[in-house]
All heavy atoms as atom14 arrays in JSON, in Angstrom:
{
  "sequence": "MSTPPGSPQVWLEIVQIALDLLAWMPMLALTGKARLWEPRRLRFRLF",
  "atom14_mask": [
    [1, 1, 1, 1, 1, 1, 1, 1, 0, 0, 0, 0, 0, 0],
    [1, 1, 1, 1, 1, 1, 0, 0, 0, 0, 0, 0, 0, 0],
    [1, 1, 1, 1, 1, 1, 1, 0, 0, 0, 0, 0, 0, 0],
    [1, 1, 1, 1, 1, 1, 1, 0, 0, 0, 0, 0, 0, 0],
    [1, 1, 1, 1, 1, 1, 1, 0, 0, 0, 0, 0, 0, 0],
    [1, 1, 1, 1, 0, 0, 0, 0, 0, 0, 0, 0, 0, 0],
    [1, 1, 1, 1, 1, 1, 0, 0, 0, 0, 0, 0, 0, 0],
    [1, 1, 1, 1, 1, 1, 1, 0, 0, 0, 0, 0, 0, 0],
    [1, 1, 1, 1, 1, 1, 1, 1, 1, 0, 0, 0, 0, 0],
    [1, 1, 1, 1, 1, 1, 1, 0, 0, 0, 0, 0, 0, 0],
    [1, 1, 1, 1, 1, 1, 1, 1, 1, 1, 1, 1, 1, 1],
    [1, 1, 1, 1, 1, 1, 1, 1, 0, 0, 0, 0, 0, 0],
    [1, 1, 1, 1, 1, 1, 1, 1, 1, 0, 0, 0, 0, 0],
    [1, 1, 1, 1, 1, 1, 1, 1, 0, 0, 0, 0, 0, 0],
    [1, 1, 1, 1, 1, 1, 1, 0, 0, 0, 0, 0, 0, 0],
    [1, 1, 1, 1, 1, 1, 1, 1, 1, 0, 0, 0, 0, 0],
    [1, 1, 1, 1, 1, 1, 1, 1, 0, 0, 0, 0, 0, 0],
    [1, 1, 1, 1, 1, 0, 0, 0, 0, 0, 0, 0, 0, 0],
    [1, 1, 1, 1, 1, 1, 1, 1, 0, 0, 0, 0, 0, 0],
    [1, 1, 1, 1, 1, 1, 1, 1, 0, 0, 0, 0, 0, 0],
    [1, 1, 1, 1, 1, 1, 1, 1, 0, 0, 0, 0, 0, 0],
    [1, 1, 1, 1, 1, 1, 1, 1, 0, 0, 0, 0, 0, 0],
    [1, 1, 1, 1, 1, 0, 0, 0, 0, 0, 0, 0, 0, 0],
    [1, 1, 1, 1, 1, 1, 1, 1, 1, 1, 1, 1, 1, 1],
    [1, 1, 1, 1, 1, 1, 1, 1, 0, 0, 0, 0, 0, 0],
    [1, 1, 1, 1, 1, 1, 1, 0, 0, 0, 0, 0, 0, 0],
    [1, 1, 1, 1, 1, 1, 1, 1, 0, 0, 0, 0, 0, 0],
    [1, 1, 1, 1, 1, 1, 1, 1, 0, 0, 0, 0, 0, 0],
    [1, 1, 1, 1, 1, 0, 0, 0, 0, 0, 0, 0, 0, 0],
    [1, 1, 1, 1, 1, 1, 1, 1, 0, 0, 0, 0, 0, 0],
    [1, 1, 1, 1, 1, 1, 1, 0, 0, 0, 0, 0, 0, 0],
    [1, 1, 1, 1, 0, 0, 0, 0, 0, 0, 0, 0, 0, 0],
    [1, 1, 1, 1, 1, 1, 1, 1, 1, 0, 0, 0, 0, 0],
    [1, 1, 1, 1, 1, 0, 0, 0, 0, 0, 0, 0, 0, 0],
    [1, 1, 1, 1, 1, 1, 1, 1, 1, 1, 1, 0, 0, 0],
    [1, 1, 1, 1, 1, 1, 1, 1, 0, 0, 0, 0, 0, 0],
    [1, 1, 1, 1, 1, 1, 1, 1, 1, 1, 1, 1, 1, 1],
    [1, 1, 1, 1, 1, 1, 1, 1, 1, 0, 0, 0, 0, 0],
    [1, 1, 1, 1, 1, 1, 1, 0, 0, 0, 0, 0, 0, 0],
    [1, 1, 1, 1, 1, 1, 1, 1, 1, 1, 1, 0, 0, 0],
    [1, 1, 1, 1, 1, 1, 1, 1, 1, 1, 1, 0, 0, 0],
    [1, 1, 1, 1, 1, 1, 1, 1, 0, 0, 0, 0, 0, 0],
    [1, 1, 1, 1, 1, 1, 1, 1, 1, 1, 1, 0, 0, 0],
    [1, 1, 1, 1, 1, 1, 1, 1, 1, 1, 1, 0, 0, 0],
    [1, 1, 1, 1, 1, 1, 1, 1, 1, 1, 1, 0, 0, 0],
    [1, 1, 1, 1, 1, 1, 1, 1, 0, 0, 0, 0, 0, 0],
    [1, 1, 1, 1, 1, 1, 1, 1, 1, 1, 1, 0, 0, 0]
  ],
  "atom14_positions": [
    [[-34.69, -125.24, 84.52], [-34.81, -123.8, 84.5], [-36.24, -123.42, 84.14], [-36.8, -123.91, 83.17], [-33.81, -123.24, 83.5], [-33.79, -121.76, 83.45], [-32.34, -121.26, 82.48], [-32.85, -119.69, 81.99], [0.0, 0.0, 0.0], [0.0, 0.0, 0.0], [0.0, 0.0, 0.0], [0.0, 0.0, 0.0], [0.0, 0.0, 0.0], [0.0, 0.0, 0.0]],
    [[-36.81, -122.55, 84.88], [-38.2, -122.14, 84.68], [-38.27, -120.98, 83.69], [-37.42, -120.1, 83.68], [-38.79, -121.72, 86.02], [-40.09, -121.26, 85.83], [0.0, 0.0, 0.0], [0.0, 0.0, 0.0], [0.0, 0.0, 0.0], [0.0, 0.0, 0.0], [0.0, 0.0, 0.0], [0.0, 0.0, 0.0], [0.0, 0.0, 0.0], [0.0, 0.0, 0.0]],
    [[-39.31, -121.0, 82.86], [-39.53, -119.92, 81.9], [-40.29, -118.79, 82.58], [-41.3, -119.04, 83.22], [-40.36, -120.45, 80.71], [-39.71, -121.59, 80.19], [-40.48, -119.41, 79.64], [0.0, 0.0, 0.0], [0.0, 0.0, 0.0], [0.0, 0.0, 0.0], [0.0, 0.0, 0.0], [0.0, 0.0, 0.0], [0.0, 0.0, 0.0], [0.0, 0.0, 0.0]],
    [[-39.81, -117.56, 82.49], [-40.5, -116.45, 83.15], [-41.86, -116.2, 82.5], [-42.04, -116.41, 81.3], [-39.56, -115.26, 82.94], [-38.68, -115.64, 81.81], [-38.61, -117.13, 81.79], [0.0, 0.0, 0.0], [0.0, 0.0, 0.0], [0.0, 0.0, 0.0], [0.0, 0.0, 0.0], [0.0, 0.0, 0.0], [0.0, 0.0, 0.0], [0.0, 0.0, 0.0]],
    [[-42.84, -115.74, 83.31], [-44.17, -115.44, 82.75], [-44.08, -114.35, 81.7], [-43.32, -113.4, 81.83], [-44.99, -114.98, 83.95], [-44.14, -115.14, 85.15], [-42.75, -115.49, 84.72], [0.0, 0.0, 0.0], [0.0, 0.0, 0.0], [0.0, 0.0, 0.0], [0.0, 0.0, 0.0], [0.0, 0.0, 0.0], [0.0, 0.0, 0.0], [0.0, 0.0, 0.0]],
    [[-44.87, -114.48, 80.67], [-44.89, -113.48, 79.62], [-43.85, -113.7, 78.54], [-43.74, -112.91, 77.61], [0.0, 0.0, 0.0], [0.0, 0.0, 0.0], [0.0, 0.0, 0.0], [0.0, 0.0, 0.0], [0.0, 0.0, 0.0], [0.0, 0.0, 0.0], [0.0, 0.0, 0.0], [0.0, 0.0, 0.0], [0.0, 0.0, 0.0], [0.0, 0.0, 0.0]],
    [[-43.08, -114.77, 78.64], [-42.07, -115.02, 77.63], [-42.72, -115.54, 76.35], [-43.81, -116.11, 76.39], [-41.04, -116.03, 78.15], [-41.62, -117.31, 78.21], [0.0, 0.0, 0.0], [0.0, 0.0, 0.0], [0.0, 0.0, 0.0], [0.0, 0.0, 0.0], [0.0, 0.0, 0.0], [0.0, 0.0, 0.0], [0.0, 0.0, 0.0], [0.0, 0.0, 0.0]],
    [[-42.07, -115.37, 75.22], [-42.63, -115.85, 73.96], [-42.9, -117.35, 73.95], [-43.84, -117.81, 73.32], [-41.58, -115.48, 72.93], [-40.81, -114.37, 73.54], [-40.84, -114.61, 75.02], [0.0, 0.0, 0.0], [0.0, 0.0, 0.0], [0.0, 0.0, 0.0], [0.0, 0.0, 0.0], [0.0, 0.0, 0.0], [0.0, 0.0, 0.0], [0.0, 0.0, 0.0]],
    [[-42.1, -118.13, 74.66], [-42.3, -119.58, 74.69], [-43.63, -119.93, 75.36], [-44.34, -120.84, 74.91], [-41.14, -120.25, 75.41], [-41.26, -121.77, 75.39], [-40.09, -122.44, 76.07], [-39.17, -121.79, 76.52], [-40.13, -123.75, 76.14], [0.0, 0.0, 0.0], [0.0, 0.0, 0.0], [0.0, 0.0, 0.0], [0.0, 0.0, 0.0], [0.0, 0.0, 0.0]],
    [[-43.99, -119.23, 76.41], [-45.26, -119.48, 77.09], [-46.42, -119.19, 76.15], [-47.37, -119.98, 76.04], [-45.37, -118.64, 78.38], [-46.75, -118.73, 78.98], [-44.32, -119.08, 79.38], [0.0, 0.0, 0.0], [0.0, 0.0, 0.0], [0.0, 0.0, 0.0], [0.0, 0.0, 0.0], [0.0, 0.0, 0.0], [0.0, 0.0, 0.0], [0.0, 0.0, 0.0]],
    [[-46.36, -118.07, 75.45], [-47.44, -117.72, 74.53], [-47.51, -118.71, 73.37], [-48.59, -119.05, 72.9], [-47.26, -116.29, 74.01], [-47.6, -115.3, 75.06], [-46.73, -114.49, 75.73], [-48.89, -115.03, 75.6], [-47.41, -113.75, 76.65], [-48.74, -114.05, 76.6], [-50.16, -115.53, 75.35], [-49.8, -113.56, 77.34], [-51.22, -115.04, 76.08], [-51.04, -114.06, 77.05]],
    [[-46.37, -119.18, 72.92], [-46.36, -120.18, 71.85], [-47.05, -121.47, 72.31], [-47.83, -122.06, 71.55], [-44.92, -120.47, 71.43], [-44.74, -121.48, 70.31], [-45.38, -120.97, 69.02], [-43.27, -121.77, 70.1], [0.0, 0.0, 0.0], [0.0, 0.0, 0.0], [0.0, 0.0, 0.0], [0.0, 0.0, 0.0], [0.0, 0.0, 0.0], [0.0, 0.0, 0.0]],
    [[-46.81, -121.88, 73.53], [-47.47, -123.07, 74.06], [-48.97, -122.87, 74.22], [-49.76, -123.77, 73.95], [-46.83, -123.47, 75.39], [-45.43, -124.02, 75.22], [-44.78, -124.43, 76.53], [-45.52, -124.74, 77.49], [-43.54, -124.44, 76.59], [0.0, 0.0, 0.0], [0.0, 0.0, 0.0], [0.0, 0.0, 0.0], [0.0, 0.0, 0.0], [0.0, 0.0, 0.0]],
    [[-49.39, -121.68, 74.64], [-50.82, -121.38, 74.78], [-51.5, -121.44, 73.41], [-52.58, -122.04, 73.27], [-51.02, -120.0, 75.44], [-50.6, -120.07, 76.91], [-52.46, -119.53, 75.3], [-50.55, -118.73, 77.59], [0.0, 0.0, 0.0], [0.0, 0.0, 0.0], [0.0, 0.0, 0.0], [0.0, 0.0, 0.0], [0.0, 0.0, 0.0], [0.0, 0.0, 0.0]],
    [[-50.87, -120.86, 72.4], [-51.44, -120.89, 71.05], [-51.49, -122.32, 70.53], [-52.46, -122.73, 69.9], [-50.62, -119.97, 70.1], [-51.02, -120.19, 68.65], [-50.8, -118.52, 70.51], [0.0, 0.0, 0.0], [0.0, 0.0, 0.0], [0.0, 0.0, 0.0], [0.0, 0.0, 0.0], [0.0, 0.0, 0.0], [0.0, 0.0, 0.0], [0.0, 0.0, 0.0]],
    [[-50.47, -123.1, 70.82], [-50.44, -124.49, 70.37], [-51.57, -125.31, 71.02], [-52.23, -126.11, 70.35], [-49.09, -125.11, 70.71], [-48.91, -126.48, 70.12], [-47.49, -126.99, 70.34], [-46.69, -126.38, 71.03], [-47.2, -128.12, 69.73], [0.0, 0.0, 0.0], [0.0, 0.0, 0.0], [0.0, 0.0, 0.0], [0.0, 0.0, 0.0], [0.0, 0.0, 0.0]],
    [[-51.84, -125.08, 72.28], [-52.95, -125.77, 72.96], [-54.28, -125.35, 72.35], [-55.16, -126.18, 72.11], [-52.92, -125.48, 74.48], [-51.72, -126.18, 75.12], [-54.21, -125.92, 75.15], [-51.45, -125.76, 76.54], [0.0, 0.0, 0.0], [0.0, 0.0, 0.0], [0.0, 0.0, 0.0], [0.0, 0.0, 0.0], [0.0, 0.0, 0.0], [0.0, 0.0, 0.0]],
    [[-54.44, -124.05, 72.06], [-55.68, -123.57, 71.45], [-55.89, -124.2, 70.07], [-57.0, -124.59, 69.72], [-55.65, -122.04, 71.35], [0.0, 0.0, 0.0], [0.0, 0.0, 0.0], [0.0, 0.0, 0.0], [0.0, 0.0, 0.0], [0.0, 0.0, 0.0], [0.0, 0.0, 0.0], [0.0, 0.0, 0.0], [0.0, 0.0, 0.0], [0.0, 0.0, 0.0]],
    [[-54.83, -124.33, 69.29], [-54.95, -124.95, 67.98], [-55.3, -126.44, 68.09], [-56.08, -126.96, 67.3], [-53.67, -124.75, 67.18], [-53.4, -123.33, 66.71], [-52.03, -123.22, 66.08], [-54.47, -122.87, 65.75], [0.0, 0.0, 0.0], [0.0, 0.0, 0.0], [0.0, 0.0, 0.0], [0.0, 0.0, 0.0], [0.0, 0.0, 0.0], [0.0, 0.0, 0.0]],
    [[-54.73, -127.11, 69.08], [-55.08, -128.52, 69.31], [-56.55, -128.66, 69.67], [-57.24, -129.56, 69.17], [-54.21, -129.12, 70.41], [-52.79, -129.4, 69.96], [-52.54, -129.43, 68.74], [-51.93, -129.61, 70.84], [0.0, 0.0, 0.0], [0.0, 0.0, 0.0], [0.0, 0.0, 0.0], [0.0, 0.0, 0.0], [0.0, 0.0, 0.0], [0.0, 0.0, 0.0]],
    [[-57.04, -127.79, 70.53], [-58.46, -127.82, 70.89], [-59.35, -127.54, 69.68], [-60.39, -128.18, 69.5], [-58.75, -126.81, 72.0], [-58.22, -127.16, 73.38], [-58.42, -125.99, 74.32], [-58.89, -128.4, 73.91], [0.0, 0.0, 0.0], [0.0, 0.0, 0.0], [0.0, 0.0, 0.0], [0.0, 0.0, 0.0], [0.0, 0.0, 0.0], [0.0, 0.0, 0.0]],
    [[-58.93, -126.62, 68.85], [-59.69, -126.3, 67.65], [-59.71, -127.48, 66.67], [-60.7, -127.7, 65.97], [-59.1, -125.06, 66.97], [-59.88, -124.44, 65.82], [-61.24, -123.97, 66.3], [-59.1, -123.3, 65.23], [0.0, 0.0, 0.0], [0.0, 0.0, 0.0], [0.0, 0.0, 0.0], [0.0, 0.0, 0.0], [0.0, 0.0, 0.0], [0.0, 0.0, 0.0]],
    [[-58.65, -128.27, 66.64], [-58.6, -129.43, 65.76], [-59.41, -130.6, 66.31], [-60.07, -131.31, 65.55], [-57.15, -129.85, 65.55], [0.0, 0.0, 0.0], [0.0, 0.0, 0.0], [0.0, 0.0, 0.0], [0.0, 0.0, 0.0], [0.0, 0.0, 0.0], [0.0, 0.0, 0.0], [0.0, 0.0, 0.0], [0.0, 0.0, 0.0], [0.0, 0.0, 0.0]],
    [[-59.38, -130.82, 67.61], [-60.06, -131.97, 68.2], [-61.53, -131.74, 68.47], [-62.33, -132.68, 68.45], [-59.36, -132.37, 69.51], [-58.15, -133.2, 69.27], [-56.86, -132.76, 69.25], [-58.1, -134.6, 68.99], [-56.01, -133.79, 68.98], [-56.75, -134.94, 68.83], [-59.07, -135.59, 68.87], [-56.36, -136.24, 68.54], [-58.66, -136.87, 68.59], [-57.32, -137.19, 68.43]],
    [[-61.92, -130.52, 68.74], [-63.31, -130.24, 69.1], [-64.32, -130.69, 68.04], [-65.3, -131.35, 68.37], [-63.47, -128.76, 69.43], [-64.8, -128.39, 70.08], [-66.15, -127.94, 68.99], [-65.48, -126.66, 68.01], [0.0, 0.0, 0.0], [0.0, 0.0, 0.0], [0.0, 0.0, 0.0], [0.0, 0.0, 0.0], [0.0, 0.0, 0.0], [0.0, 0.0, 0.0]],
    [[-64.09, -130.41, 66.75], [-65.07, -130.89, 65.76], [-65.19, -132.41, 65.72], [-66.27, -132.95, 65.56], [-64.54, -130.35, 64.42], [-63.68, -129.21, 64.79], [-63.1, -129.54, 66.13], [0.0, 0.0, 0.0], [0.0, 0.0, 0.0], [0.0, 0.0, 0.0], [0.0, 0.0, 0.0], [0.0, 0.0, 0.0], [0.0, 0.0, 0.0], [0.0, 0.0, 0.0]],
    [[-64.08, -133.1, 65.89], [-64.11, -134.56, 65.84], [-64.86, -135.15, 67.03], [-65.51, -136.18, 66.91], [-62.69, -135.12, 65.79], [-62.0, -134.86, 64.47], [-60.41, -135.66, 64.38], [-59.36, -134.42, 65.12], [0.0, 0.0, 0.0], [0.0, 0.0, 0.0], [0.0, 0.0, 0.0], [0.0, 0.0, 0.0], [0.0, 0.0, 0.0], [0.0, 0.0, 0.0]],
    [[-64.76, -134.51, 68.18], [-65.38, -135.04, 69.39], [-66.8, -134.55, 69.61], [-67.62, -135.26, 70.17], [-64.53, -134.67, 70.61], [-63.14, -135.29, 70.68], [-62.37, -134.69, 71.84], [-63.22, -136.79, 70.78], [0.0, 0.0, 0.0], [0.0, 0.0, 0.0], [0.0, 0.0, 0.0], [0.0, 0.0, 0.0], [0.0, 0.0, 0.0], [0.0, 0.0, 0.0]],
    [[-67.11, -133.34, 69.18], [-68.37, -132.73, 69.58], [-69.36, -132.49, 68.45], [-70.56, -132.48, 68.7], [-68.1, -131.4, 70.29], [0.0, 0.0, 0.0], [0.0, 0.0, 0.0], [0.0, 0.0, 0.0], [0.0, 0.0, 0.0], [0.0, 0.0, 0.0], [0.0, 0.0, 0.0], [0.0, 0.0, 0.0], [0.0, 0.0, 0.0], [0.0, 0.0, 0.0]],
    [[-68.89, -132.29, 67.25], [-69.8, -131.91, 66.17], [-70.22, -133.12, 65.34], [-69.53, -134.13, 65.3], [-69.15, -130.86, 65.27], [-68.79, -129.55, 65.96], [-68.09, -128.62, 64.99], [-70.02, -128.88, 66.54], [0.0, 0.0, 0.0], [0.0, 0.0, 0.0], [0.0, 0.0, 0.0], [0.0, 0.0, 0.0], [0.0, 0.0, 0.0], [0.0, 0.0, 0.0]],
    [[-71.36, -132.98, 64.67], [-71.87, -134.05, 63.81], [-72.26, -133.46, 62.46], [-72.41, -132.25, 62.32], [-73.11, -134.72, 64.44], [-74.11, -133.73, 64.64], [-72.78, -135.38, 65.76], [0.0, 0.0, 0.0], [0.0, 0.0, 0.0], [0.0, 0.0, 0.0], [0.0, 0.0, 0.0], [0.0, 0.0, 0.0], [0.0, 0.0, 0.0], [0.0, 0.0, 0.0]],
    [[-72.43, -134.33, 61.48], [-72.9, -133.92, 60.16], [-71.95, -132.97, 59.45], [-70.73, -133.09, 59.54], [0.0, 0.0, 0.0], [0.0, 0.0, 0.0], [0.0, 0.0, 0.0], [0.0, 0.0, 0.0], [0.0, 0.0, 0.0], [0.0, 0.0, 0.0], [0.0, 0.0, 0.0], [0.0, 0.0, 0.0], [0.0, 0.0, 0.0], [0.0, 0.0, 0.0]],
    [[-72.55, -132.01, 58.75], [-71.75, -131.04, 57.99], [-70.91, -130.14, 58.89], [-69.86, -129.65, 58.48], [-72.66, -130.18, 57.11], [-73.26, -130.93, 55.96], [-74.08, -129.99, 55.1], [-74.68, -130.74, 53.93], [-75.43, -129.85, 53.04], [0.0, 0.0, 0.0], [0.0, 0.0, 0.0], [0.0, 0.0, 0.0], [0.0, 0.0, 0.0], [0.0, 0.0, 0.0]],
    [[-71.37, -129.92, 60.1], [-70.62, -129.04, 61.03], [-69.25, -129.62, 61.34], [-68.31, -128.87, 61.62], [-71.41, -128.85, 62.32], [0.0, 0.0, 0.0], [0.0, 0.0, 0.0], [0.0, 0.0, 0.0], [0.0, 0.0, 0.0], [0.0, 0.0, 0.0], [0.0, 0.0, 0.0], [0.0, 0.0, 0.0], [0.0, 0.0, 0.0], [0.0, 0.0, 0.0]],
    [[-69.1, -130.92, 61.26], [-67.81, -131.56, 61.54], [-66.77, -131.17, 60.49], [-65.57, -131.21, 60.76], [-68.0, -133.06, 61.57], [-66.79, -133.81, 62.0], [-67.09, -135.25, 62.09], [-67.13, -135.59, 63.5], [-67.28, -136.8, 63.96], [-67.43, -137.79, 63.15], [-67.28, -137.01, 65.25], [0.0, 0.0, 0.0], [0.0, 0.0, 0.0], [0.0, 0.0, 0.0]],
    [[-67.21, -130.77, 59.31], [-66.3, -130.44, 58.21], [-65.99, -128.95, 58.11], [-65.25, -128.55, 57.22], [-66.9, -130.93, 56.88], [-67.2, -132.43, 56.82], [-67.91, -132.75, 55.52], [-65.95, -133.24, 56.99], [0.0, 0.0, 0.0], [0.0, 0.0, 0.0], [0.0, 0.0, 0.0], [0.0, 0.0, 0.0], [0.0, 0.0, 0.0], [0.0, 0.0, 0.0]],
    [[-66.57, -128.13, 58.98], [-66.32, -126.69, 58.92], [-64.84, -126.4, 59.16], [-64.21, -126.98, 60.04], [-67.14, -125.95, 59.96], [-68.61, -125.92, 59.69], [-69.25, -126.16, 58.52], [-69.63, -125.61, 60.64], [-70.6, -126.02, 58.67], [-70.86, -125.68, 59.96], [-69.62, -125.28, 61.98], [-72.07, -125.43, 60.59], [-70.82, -125.03, 62.6], [-72.03, -125.1, 61.91]],
    [[-64.3, -125.44, 58.4], [-62.92, -125.02, 58.61], [-62.85, -124.06, 59.8], [-63.88, -123.57, 60.26], [-62.36, -124.37, 57.33], [-62.99, -123.08, 56.95], [-64.2, -123.22, 56.03], [-64.59, -124.35, 55.69], [-64.78, -122.19, 55.69], [0.0, 0.0, 0.0], [0.0, 0.0, 0.0], [0.0, 0.0, 0.0], [0.0, 0.0, 0.0], [0.0, 0.0, 0.0]],
    [[-61.67, -123.8, 60.33], [-61.54, -122.97, 61.55], [-62.2, -121.6, 61.44], [-62.8, -121.13, 62.41], [-60.03, -122.82, 61.73], [-59.47, -124.05, 61.11], [-60.37, -124.37, 59.94], [0.0, 0.0, 0.0], [0.0, 0.0, 0.0], [0.0, 0.0, 0.0], [0.0, 0.0, 0.0], [0.0, 0.0, 0.0], [0.0, 0.0, 0.0], [0.0, 0.0, 0.0]],
    [[-62.14, -120.97, 60.29], [-62.76, -119.64, 60.16], [-64.27, -119.72, 60.36], [-64.88, -118.9, 61.03], [-62.42, -119.06, 58.79], [-62.94, -117.68, 58.59], [-62.51, -117.16, 57.25], [-63.01, -115.81, 57.05], [-62.79, -115.1, 55.98], [-62.07, -115.59, 55.0], [-63.27, -113.89, 55.87], [0.0, 0.0, 0.0], [0.0, 0.0, 0.0], [0.0, 0.0, 0.0]],
    [[-64.89, -120.73, 59.76], [-66.34, -120.91, 59.9], [-66.7, -121.29, 61.33], [-67.72, -120.86, 61.86], [-66.82, -121.97, 58.92], [-68.3, -122.01, 58.8], [-68.71, -122.8, 57.6], [-68.25, -122.09, 56.41], [-68.65, -122.36, 55.19], [-69.49, -123.33, 54.97], [-68.21, -121.66, 54.17], [0.0, 0.0, 0.0], [0.0, 0.0, 0.0], [0.0, 0.0, 0.0]],
    [[-65.88, -122.11, 61.98], [-66.11, -122.47, 63.39], [-66.1, -121.23, 64.26], [-66.95, -121.06, 65.13], [-65.03, -123.44, 63.88], [-65.19, -124.89, 63.54], [-63.94, -125.65, 63.93], [-66.4, -125.48, 64.21], [0.0, 0.0, 0.0], [0.0, 0.0, 0.0], [0.0, 0.0, 0.0], [0.0, 0.0, 0.0], [0.0, 0.0, 0.0], [0.0, 0.0, 0.0]],
    [[-65.1, -120.37, 64.05], [-65.0, -119.15, 64.85], [-66.24, -118.28, 64.67], [-66.78, -117.75, 65.64], [-63.75, -118.36, 64.48], [-62.49, -118.88, 65.08], [-61.36, -117.87, 64.96], [-61.13, -117.42, 63.6], [-60.3, -117.99, 62.73], [-59.63, -119.05, 63.09], [-60.15, -117.5, 61.53], [0.0, 0.0, 0.0], [0.0, 0.0, 0.0], [0.0, 0.0, 0.0]],
    [[-66.7, -118.14, 63.44], [-67.86, -117.28, 63.2], [-69.14, -117.89, 63.76], [-69.91, -117.22, 64.43], [-68.03, -117.01, 61.7], [-69.32, -116.29, 61.38], [-69.49, -114.97, 61.74], [-70.37, -116.95, 60.77], [-70.67, -114.31, 61.48], [-71.56, -116.3, 60.49], [-71.71, -114.98, 60.85], [0.0, 0.0, 0.0], [0.0, 0.0, 0.0], [0.0, 0.0, 0.0]],
    [[-69.38, -119.16, 63.48], [-70.67, -119.77, 63.83], [-70.77, -120.2, 65.28], [-71.84, -120.1, 65.88], [-70.93, -120.95, 62.92], [-71.15, -120.51, 61.49], [-71.52, -121.65, 60.61], [-71.82, -121.13, 59.27], [-72.13, -121.89, 58.26], [-72.21, -123.19, 58.4], [-72.38, -121.35, 57.08], [0.0, 0.0, 0.0], [0.0, 0.0, 0.0], [0.0, 0.0, 0.0]],
    [[-69.69, -120.71, 65.84], [-69.76, -121.26, 67.19], [-69.16, -120.35, 68.25], [-69.71, -120.19, 69.33], [-69.09, -122.63, 67.24], [-69.63, -123.69, 66.3], [-68.92, -125.0, 66.52], [-71.12, -123.86, 66.45], [0.0, 0.0, 0.0], [0.0, 0.0, 0.0], [0.0, 0.0, 0.0], [0.0, 0.0, 0.0], [0.0, 0.0, 0.0], [0.0, 0.0, 0.0]],
    [[-68.01, -119.79, 67.97], [-67.29, -119.06, 69.0], [-67.68, -117.6, 69.13], [-67.23, -116.92, 70.04], [-65.78, -119.17, 68.78], [-65.28, -120.59, 68.74], [-64.25, -120.94, 67.92], [-65.85, -121.57, 69.55], [-63.79, -122.24, 67.89], [-65.4, -122.86, 69.52], [-64.36, -123.21, 68.68], [0.0, 0.0, 0.0], [0.0, 0.0, 0.0], [0.0, 0.0, 0.0]]
  ]
}
């Protein structure tokens, strides 16, 4: 059964993917002290 567009489950999956990217990006791309920045600091400084 397919989930209709705009359903809460679709948005939950989108948010989950975004959180996974936010968790993996510092480990893969950042170095030094920037690797230890918390999500709020990442959003302000990088995004």
